[in-house]
Amino acid sequence: MAGSITRITLSDGSARYRARYRDPGGRQHERRFVRKVDAQRWLDEATSALVTQTWTAPARGRVTVADWADRWLASQTGVKPSTLYRYGNLLRTHVLPTWGKHQLADVTHADVAVWVAKLLGQGSAAGTVRQAHRVFSLLLGLAVRDGRIPRNPAERVPLPRVIRSEPRFLTHDEVERLADAAGAEGDVIRLLAYTGLRFGEMAALRVRRVDFLRRRLTIAEAVTEVGGRLEFGTPKTHQQRTVPLPATLAEPLARRCEGKQGDDLLVTTASGTVLRLRNWRRVVFDPAVRAAGLSDVTPHDLRHTAASLAVSSGATVKAVQRMLGHASAAMTLDVYSGLVDDDLAALADRMDAAARAAAEARVGAVWARPPADTPPNGKCAGQGGGPRGESNPQPAD
């Protein structure tokens, strides 16, 4: 790149250093500095960006973060409505109050790091801070791809660690107590606790997706409340899956199917409308928890319970992953590592017991085995017939 630095004198007699270069399109860019070293630094940075093909026209980065956030949000066509709604909330609540009036080119890595620390210091949860940072990083990433800024200043910013709370697992007895306390809604409690369905998947389950002959549920749809509206879509991982249906649930679910068409929802409110989690929890679940003598139990804990009961029944991590609809077995291990550790301990005990049984059986077999020098007929050499002990001696010569 052909660049230059020249010293110029202003009308007031002061001196400035003018740095100039041309971009790949032939357009000239210049800036003036009081110190020559600053002019040289600016020119070197521009030269490096052109050589590494990370150069962007300065004018393209003069869009405000607020304007760019609107464009970015409008481009998110591949996400679920609930995700888009959450992105919008994070922008309005955490990102735009700080960054909305800044131009994209003015956002620095250090300032983003300070912003993250400030959010945490103001009492925002670690998970919320990470989500807000991710949204900001995503919209800056689009600005990089669009040639607005040379690099993403939000990348590699130190983020707070999220400490995952311990899942709550109910026993079979606690599940039954909770189901009994729920009365007519007890089958819904059992359905969630024994299949691991997400509440939205259960609320969107249709009659035609219940296979009573094979005892299987096909999970192909979920419903979510977004800004007060119900949105139907694919499950969380966008993947359809099949979940085993315990025989004890077949009869109550069959009663719920009576008089319904294939596309009708299996589980609804008493008036036939779609179940909403907050309403169902307030009217059914929380009162049942209190009546059953339990505490600190949420509807999502029933999903955790399904994983726990499946593992204790001998299910593999892969089977639990498929039942819960996790994206990978690694995710299942990450969430339920404690269950797997307990299962590995039980596995070690079972292997130890099997090894002891095999060793005892081997010792018994050794004691029951005849001596190595005893022929199969039980006679020693020299007794009975044979060259060394024949019953009829040969005649003398």
Foldseek 3Di string as FASTA:
>chain_A
DDKDWDWDADPVGQIWIKIWDAAPVRDIDIDIHNDPVVSVVVVVVQVVCRVVVLDFDQVLQQDFPQVLLVVLLVPPPPDDLQVSLVLVVLCVPQNCVVGRGPGRQPDALVVLLVSLVVCVVVPDALVSSVVSLVSLQSSNVVCSVVRNHSDRSSPPRDGDDHDDDAFDADDPVLLQLLLVLLPLCSLVSVCCQAQLEDPQQLLQFFQLQQDLVQQKGKRFKGWDQRPNDIDIDGPPVNDIAITGHDPVSSVSQVVLCPPDDRNQRSDDPPVRHGDDQVVCCVPGRVSSCVSSVHPPDGSSSSSVNNLLVCVVVPDDLVNNCRSNVPPDSVVSCVNPVVSVVVSVVVVVVVVVVVVVVVVVVVVVVVVVDDDPQADPVRDHPQPDDDPNPHPDDDDDD
